[in-house]
Amino acid sequence: MAPHRIGIVGCGRRGRAFAAAIASLDAAALALWVDDDPAAARACAAAYGGAVAPSWTDEALDTLIKASPRLDSAVLAAAVRDGLRVLIDPPLARGIVDARRAVRAVKSVPGGVGMGFDWRFEPLVRLLRVLTPRPLFAHVSLAVDPGPPQAPESVRETMWTTPHHALDLLVHLFDGPPAEVVADGGPLPAERNESATSSVPPRADALVADLFFDRERHAAITVGGGDADPELGPVVLDLTDGATRVRIWSNWSVAEILPLDGRSPDPPSLPGVRLEREGRALMARAEPDGQALRTLVQAFIASEPVDNRLAGAADGARAVAITRAVLAAAASGRTQTLSAA
């Protein structure tokens, strides 16, 4: 069987990360690079293989990965009409109107559109989903480097990168969007009581938000500008369903599973996850970065994808709507109600 031919639009960091994932798949071949900077495209082709072209339109491809920051809904629709599967690196758009326009553009044409929310595919997130299928509370702590602390380079601007993925992950873990968002901008509290954000220096570009899914279940996200803790990494996820607490850190490679009801946790055996008992807790360790993106690409190019972790264009639009609601709540100090996120 001929390998699945993939083209990448965008030769930045994410484009190269997708290329590395494709190189590890026997059933796929990187066939094409497209970028506004021909020199960057040639450098990527020299490093990862594939040809260079000014456009994907005249190439025989099976899947197109859009890893560039701009997305034209008409171009997206044309790609899908040509029979291509299109995988979009988030965000789908910077505004709700553009996101909805992109969803409408591909709604009535054959083909597949997916979102590159690779955090859903982290092995430890899969383990967490098995252990806590109905979470009551979750907290995501993020350390990001927003650049100089003046507009527009602030944490609110970088909500379109790392925190955007975090908001989608919370929706995935809670099986649906929040009903309300309450957020605030400004410096983080001075006292954090050894929390996951204790290594994040207080700055004026911090962000704290609560997402209320129903009367019993809610999640929180804390974003701080600054360097990540070298042990914890830039993202820490802490989640509980009332019976079990799971905490993941160190670039999605380490998790602590702690029973809260006296019972000993009995997690399933998952590929790439090693379990070790430490007292009442279990420690789970996974392979380093790269596995999630590889699993995402592999699931997306399958002829009949059935993985419920795959996100589509509608999920991408929903993540945009939630991100905008968080930013609006932080700017206005008012609760945002999401009736159709």
Protein backbone atom coordinates (compact mmCIF):
# COMPACT_ATOMS: atom_id res chain seq x y z
CA MET A 1 0.00 0.00 0.00
CA ALA A 2 1.31 3.44 -0.93
CA PRO A 3 2.12 5.67 2.03
CA HIS A 4 -0.26 8.44 3.03
CA ARG A 5 1.14 11.63 1.45
CA ILE A 6 1.17 14.66 3.74
CA GLY A 7 1.93 18.30 3.00
CA ILE A 8 2.72 20.92 5.65
CA VAL A 9 1.89 24.61 5.28
CA GLY A 10 4.07 26.57 7.68
CA CYS A 11 7.74 25.95 8.47
CA GLY A 12 7.82 27.26 12.02
CA ARG A 13 8.30 25.33 15.26
CA ARG A 14 4.97 23.51 15.03
CA GLY A 15 5.44 22.62 11.39
CA ARG A 16 8.77 21.00 12.23
CA ALA A 17 7.20 19.18 15.18
CA PHE A 18 4.55 17.72 12.88
CA ALA A 19 7.31 16.70 10.45
CA ALA A 20 9.14 14.80 13.20
CA ALA A 21 5.90 13.01 14.11
CA ILE A 22 5.26 12.05 10.48
CA ALA A 23 8.81 10.70 10.11
CA SER A 24 8.08 8.15 12.84
CA LEU A 25 5.02 6.71 11.05
CA ASP A 26 5.50 3.84 8.61
CA ALA A 27 2.19 4.50 6.85
CA ALA A 28 2.86 8.19 6.14
CA ALA A 29 5.29 10.17 4.02
CA LEU A 30 6.08 13.88 4.17
CA ALA A 31 5.66 14.99 0.57
CA LEU A 32 5.48 18.79 0.51
CA TRP A 33 6.46 22.00 2.31
CA VAL A 34 4.74 25.34 1.65
CA ASP A 35 5.76 28.61 3.29
CA ASP A 36 5.80 32.32 2.48
CA ASP A 37 9.56 32.15 3.06
CA PRO A 38 11.01 29.82 0.37
CA ALA A 39 14.33 29.59 2.21
CA ALA A 40 12.58 28.30 5.34
CA ALA A 41 10.70 25.72 3.25
CA ARG A 42 13.93 24.55 1.61
CA ALA A 43 15.61 24.22 5.02
CA CYS A 44 12.74 22.08 6.32
CA ALA A 45 12.77 19.91 3.20
CA ALA A 46 16.52 19.36 3.62
CA ALA A 47 16.02 18.34 7.25
CA TYR A 48 12.87 16.19 6.95
CA GLY A 49 12.44 15.34 3.28
CA GLY A 50 9.72 16.29 0.84
CA ALA A 51 9.51 18.81 -1.96
CA VAL A 52 9.02 22.59 -1.84
CA ALA A 53 6.25 24.38 -3.71
CA PRO A 54 4.56 27.80 -3.59
CA SER A 55 1.16 26.11 -3.12
CA TRP A 56 -0.35 22.71 -2.32
CA THR A 57 -3.04 22.98 -5.03
CA ASP A 58 -1.14 21.20 -7.81
CA GLU A 59 0.28 18.42 -5.64
CA ALA A 60 -1.02 14.86 -5.15
CA LEU A 61 -1.65 14.83 -1.41
CA ASP A 62 -3.88 12.90 0.99
CA THR A 63 -3.62 15.21 4.00
CA LEU A 64 -2.71 18.86 4.45
CA ILE A 65 -1.44 20.09 7.83
CA LYS A 66 -1.98 23.81 8.34
CA ALA A 67 0.73 24.91 10.79
CA SER A 68 0.84 28.58 9.80
CA PRO A 69 -0.82 31.31 11.87
CA ARG A 70 -3.33 32.44 9.24
CA LEU A 71 -6.26 30.43 7.92
CA ASP A 72 -8.44 31.48 4.99
CA SER A 73 -11.85 29.78 5.14
CA ALA A 74 -12.14 29.80 1.33
CA VAL A 75 -8.76 28.06 1.01
CA LEU A 76 -9.83 25.57 3.67
CA ALA A 77 -13.05 24.79 1.79
CA ALA A 78 -11.13 24.39 -1.48
CA ALA A 79 -8.76 21.88 0.11
CA VAL A 80 -11.64 19.81 1.50
CA ARG A 81 -13.49 19.94 -1.82
CA ASP A 82 -10.36 18.53 -3.47
CA GLY A 83 -10.71 15.48 -1.22
CA LEU A 84 -7.93 16.39 1.19
CA ARG A 85 -8.08 15.80 4.90
CA VAL A 86 -6.98 19.01 6.64
CA LEU A 87 -5.42 19.11 10.11
CA ILE A 88 -5.30 22.62 11.55
CA ASP A 89 -2.88 23.67 14.26
CA PRO A 90 -4.95 25.73 16.78
CA PRO A 91 -6.34 28.27 16.92
CA LEU A 92 -8.92 27.91 14.18
CA ALA A 93 -9.25 31.72 14.15
CA ARG A 94 -8.61 34.75 16.34
CA GLY A 95 -12.27 35.79 16.43
CA ILE A 96 -15.60 34.04 16.86
CA VAL A 97 -17.01 35.30 13.55
CA ASP A 98 -14.02 33.98 11.58
CA ALA A 99 -14.14 30.67 13.45
CA ARG A 100 -17.81 30.17 12.64
CA ARG A 101 -17.17 31.15 9.04
CA ALA A 102 -14.53 28.42 8.80
CA VAL A 103 -16.97 25.85 10.22
CA ARG A 104 -19.65 26.84 7.71
CA ALA A 105 -17.14 26.67 4.85
CA VAL A 106 -16.51 22.95 5.37
CA LYS A 107 -19.88 21.85 6.72
CA SER A 108 -21.47 20.85 3.41
CA VAL A 109 -18.45 19.43 1.57
CA PRO A 110 -16.96 15.93 1.84
CA GLY A 111 -13.65 15.34 3.52
CA GLY A 112 -12.32 15.73 7.01
CA VAL A 113 -11.13 18.69 9.06
CA GLY A 114 -9.39 18.18 12.38
CA MET A 115 -7.82 20.35 15.05
CA GLY A 116 -4.30 19.70 16.34
CA PHE A 117 -5.17 19.69 20.04
CA ASP A 118 -2.44 17.20 20.89
CA TRP A 119 -2.79 17.52 24.69
CA ARG A 120 -5.85 15.28 24.38
CA PHE A 121 -3.50 12.53 23.17
CA GLU A 122 -1.00 12.63 26.02
CA PRO A 123 -0.78 9.09 27.51
CA LEU A 124 -1.22 10.40 31.06
CA VAL A 125 -4.33 12.34 30.04
CA ARG A 126 -5.77 9.11 28.68
CA LEU A 127 -4.99 7.43 32.01
CA LEU A 128 -6.62 10.32 33.85
CA ARG A 129 -9.77 9.94 31.75
CA VAL A 130 -10.02 6.27 32.73
CA LEU A 131 -9.46 6.95 36.44
CA THR A 132 -11.72 10.01 36.72
CA PRO A 133 -14.41 9.80 34.02
CA ARG A 134 -16.54 12.47 35.73
CA PRO A 135 -14.29 15.09 37.33
CA LEU A 136 -15.64 17.53 39.89
CA PHE A 137 -12.77 20.01 39.87
CA ALA A 138 -9.61 20.66 37.86
CA HIS A 139 -6.91 23.29 37.95
CA VAL A 140 -4.46 24.02 35.14
CA SER A 141 -1.46 26.17 36.00
CA LEU A 142 0.52 27.65 33.11
CA ALA A 143 3.82 29.52 32.95
CA VAL A 144 4.30 31.34 29.66
CA ASP A 145 6.88 33.74 28.32
CA PRO A 146 4.91 36.66 26.88
CA GLY A 147 7.93 38.78 26.04
CA PRO A 148 8.29 42.37 27.26
CA PRO A 149 5.52 43.26 29.77
CA GLN A 150 3.87 45.90 27.62
CA ALA A 151 0.96 45.80 25.18
CA PRO A 152 0.27 43.90 23.06
CA GLU A 153 2.84 41.29 24.12
CA SER A 154 1.09 40.11 27.29
CA VAL A 155 -0.32 36.90 28.70
CA ARG A 156 -3.72 37.88 27.31
CA GLU A 157 -2.20 37.89 23.84
CA THR A 158 -0.54 34.53 24.39
CA MET A 159 -3.93 33.01 25.28
CA TRP A 160 -3.87 31.92 21.64
CA THR A 161 -1.05 29.47 22.24
CA THR A 162 -0.54 27.38 25.39
CA PRO A 163 -3.66 28.51 27.32
CA HIS A 164 -5.82 27.94 24.23
CA HIS A 165 -4.81 24.27 24.33
CA ALA A 166 -5.50 24.19 28.07
CA LEU A 167 -9.06 25.46 27.64
CA ASP A 168 -9.77 22.82 24.99
CA LEU A 169 -8.35 20.13 27.30
CA LEU A 170 -10.68 21.20 30.11
CA VAL A 171 -13.66 20.99 27.76
CA HIS A 172 -12.48 17.52 26.72
CA LEU A 173 -12.07 16.35 30.32
CA PHE A 174 -15.46 17.71 31.40
CA ASP A 175 -17.20 16.44 28.22
CA GLY A 176 -18.58 19.79 27.18
CA PRO A 177 -18.18 23.56 27.40
CA PRO A 178 -18.67 25.60 30.57
CA ALA A 179 -21.91 27.47 31.14
CA GLU A 180 -20.18 30.48 32.69
CA VAL A 181 -16.71 32.02 32.79
CA VAL A 182 -15.44 34.28 35.56
CA ALA A 183 -11.97 35.74 35.05
CA ASP A 184 -9.70 38.45 36.32
CA GLY A 185 -6.48 39.98 35.10
CA GLY A 186 -3.66 41.47 37.14
CA PRO A 187 -0.84 40.18 39.35
CA LEU A 188 -1.09 36.76 40.96
CA PRO A 189 -1.63 36.64 44.74
CA ALA A 190 1.56 37.07 46.75
CA GLU A 191 0.84 33.98 48.86
CA ARG A 192 0.31 30.76 46.94
CA ASN A 193 0.96 28.21 49.71
CA GLU A 194 3.35 26.01 47.74
CA SER A 195 0.91 25.62 44.87
CA ALA A 196 1.90 24.67 41.34
CA THR A 197 2.35 28.37 40.55
CA SER A 198 4.80 29.06 43.38
CA SER A 199 7.68 29.40 40.91
CA VAL A 200 5.85 31.94 38.74
CA PRO A 201 6.86 35.50 39.64
CA PRO A 202 3.94 37.92 40.14
CA ARG A 203 3.53 40.17 37.13
CA ALA A 204 0.87 42.54 35.86
CA ASP A 205 0.10 40.20 32.96
CA ALA A 206 -1.22 37.27 35.00
CA LEU A 207 -4.66 35.79 34.44
CA VAL A 208 -6.94 33.74 36.65
CA ALA A 209 -10.21 32.25 35.36
CA ASP A 210 -12.92 29.91 36.64
CA LEU A 211 -15.06 27.81 34.29
CA PHE A 212 -18.37 26.64 35.75
CA PHE A 213 -19.82 23.61 33.97
CA ASP A 214 -22.79 23.10 36.31
CA ARG A 215 -23.65 23.58 39.98
CA GLU A 216 -21.25 20.87 41.14
CA ARG A 217 -18.40 20.88 38.64
CA HIS A 218 -15.93 23.60 37.73
CA ALA A 219 -12.35 24.13 36.61
CA ALA A 220 -9.80 26.88 37.09
CA ILE A 221 -6.92 28.10 34.98
CA THR A 222 -4.02 30.24 36.18
CA VAL A 223 -1.64 31.86 33.72
CA GLY A 224 1.50 33.67 34.79
CA GLY A 225 4.22 35.32 32.77
CA GLY A 226 7.67 34.03 33.58
CA ASP A 227 9.96 31.02 33.37
CA ALA A 228 8.57 27.60 34.22
CA ASP A 229 9.79 25.61 37.19
CA PRO A 230 12.49 23.26 35.85
CA GLU A 231 10.95 20.30 37.72
CA LEU A 232 7.27 21.00 37.11
CA GLY A 233 7.52 22.30 33.56
CA PRO A 234 5.27 24.95 31.99
CA VAL A 235 1.98 23.10 32.60
CA VAL A 236 0.59 21.43 35.74
CA LEU A 237 -2.82 19.74 35.73
CA ASP A 238 -4.51 18.84 39.03
CA LEU A 239 -7.87 17.05 38.87
CA THR A 240 -10.20 15.15 41.19
CA ASP A 241 -13.56 13.37 41.04
CA GLY A 242 -13.89 13.26 44.83
CA ALA A 243 -12.53 9.72 45.12
CA THR A 244 -9.19 10.06 43.29
CA ARG A 245 -6.81 12.93 42.76
CA VAL A 246 -4.48 12.95 39.74
CA ARG A 247 -1.72 15.51 39.29
CA ILE A 248 0.31 15.67 36.06
CA TRP A 249 3.48 17.69 35.52
CA SER A 250 6.96 17.69 33.94
CA ASN A 251 5.81 18.15 30.33
CA TRP A 252 3.10 15.48 30.63
CA SER A 253 5.64 12.84 31.66
CA VAL A 254 4.91 12.35 35.41
CA ALA A 255 1.63 11.85 37.27
CA GLU A 256 0.73 11.19 40.90
CA ILE A 257 -2.44 9.17 41.51
CA LEU A 258 -3.71 9.55 45.06
CA PRO A 259 -6.83 7.81 46.44
CA LEU A 260 -9.03 10.03 48.61
CA ASP A 261 -11.46 7.38 49.84
CA GLY A 262 -9.02 4.87 51.30
CA ARG A 263 -9.15 2.48 48.36
CA SER A 264 -6.04 1.56 46.41
CA PRO A 265 -6.21 2.76 42.79
CA ASP A 266 -6.12 0.04 40.16
CA PRO A 267 -5.32 1.79 36.86
CA PRO A 268 -5.25 -0.12 33.57
CA SER A 269 -2.05 -0.95 31.75
CA LEU A 270 -1.51 1.56 28.93
CA PRO A 271 1.21 1.54 26.25
CA GLY A 272 4.04 3.91 27.09
CA VAL A 273 3.01 4.35 30.75
CA ARG A 274 5.04 2.87 33.62
CA LEU A 275 3.47 2.58 37.11
CA GLU A 276 5.28 2.57 40.45
CA ARG A 277 3.70 2.45 43.91
CA GLU A 278 4.90 4.98 46.49
CA GLY A 279 3.03 4.54 49.75
CA ARG A 280 -0.65 5.30 49.26
CA ALA A 281 0.01 6.87 45.89
CA LEU A 282 0.87 5.55 42.46
CA MET A 283 3.41 7.31 40.26
CA ALA A 284 2.84 7.08 36.51
CA ARG A 285 5.58 7.97 34.05
CA ALA A 286 5.27 8.36 30.29
CA GLU A 287 7.56 8.83 27.32
CA PRO A 288 8.90 12.36 26.70
CA ASP A 289 7.47 14.94 24.30
CA GLY A 290 6.50 13.83 20.79
CA GLN A 291 4.35 10.80 21.49
CA ALA A 292 1.08 12.75 21.69
CA LEU A 293 1.59 14.57 18.38
CA ARG A 294 2.55 11.30 16.69
CA THR A 295 -0.59 9.58 18.03
CA LEU A 296 -2.74 12.52 16.93
CA VAL A 297 -1.42 12.44 13.35
CA GLN A 298 -1.74 8.65 13.21
CA ALA A 299 -5.36 8.78 14.37
CA PHE A 300 -6.23 11.59 11.98
CA ILE A 301 -4.88 9.95 8.82
CA ALA A 302 -6.58 6.62 9.57
CA SER A 303 -9.12 5.77 6.87
CA GLU A 304 -11.97 5.56 9.38
CA PRO A 305 -10.93 7.49 12.49
CA VAL A 306 -12.97 6.48 15.54
CA ASP A 307 -10.83 8.01 18.29
CA ASN A 308 -13.08 10.22 20.42
CA ARG A 309 -10.08 12.40 21.26
CA LEU A 310 -10.05 13.82 17.73
CA ALA A 311 -11.32 17.39 17.60
CA GLY A 312 -13.10 18.80 14.57
CA ALA A 313 -13.68 22.30 13.23
CA ALA A 314 -16.68 22.78 15.53
CA ASP A 315 -14.46 21.97 18.52
CA GLY A 316 -11.95 24.51 17.26
CA ALA A 317 -14.65 27.18 17.02
CA ARG A 318 -15.84 26.34 20.52
CA ALA A 319 -12.31 26.74 21.89
CA VAL A 320 -12.11 30.15 20.22
CA ALA A 321 -15.42 31.18 21.81
CA ILE A 322 -14.28 30.07 25.27
CA THR A 323 -10.92 31.81 24.89
CA ARG A 324 -12.66 35.02 23.87
CA ALA A 325 -15.01 34.70 26.85
CA VAL A 326 -12.07 34.30 29.24
CA LEU A 327 -10.39 37.39 27.78
CA ALA A 328 -13.62 39.38 27.88
CA ALA A 329 -14.26 38.41 31.50
CA ALA A 330 -10.72 39.38 32.47
CA ALA A 331 -10.99 42.73 30.71
CA SER A 332 -14.45 43.63 32.01
CA GLY A 333 -14.60 41.85 35.35
CA ARG A 334 -18.04 40.54 34.38
CA THR A 335 -19.20 36.95 34.22
CA GLN A 336 -19.51 35.64 30.66
CA THR A 337 -22.41 33.29 29.92
CA LEU A 338 -21.80 30.79 27.13
CA SER A 339 -25.12 29.72 25.72
CA ALA A 340 -23.70 28.30 22.50
CA ALA A 341 -19.94 27.95 22.95
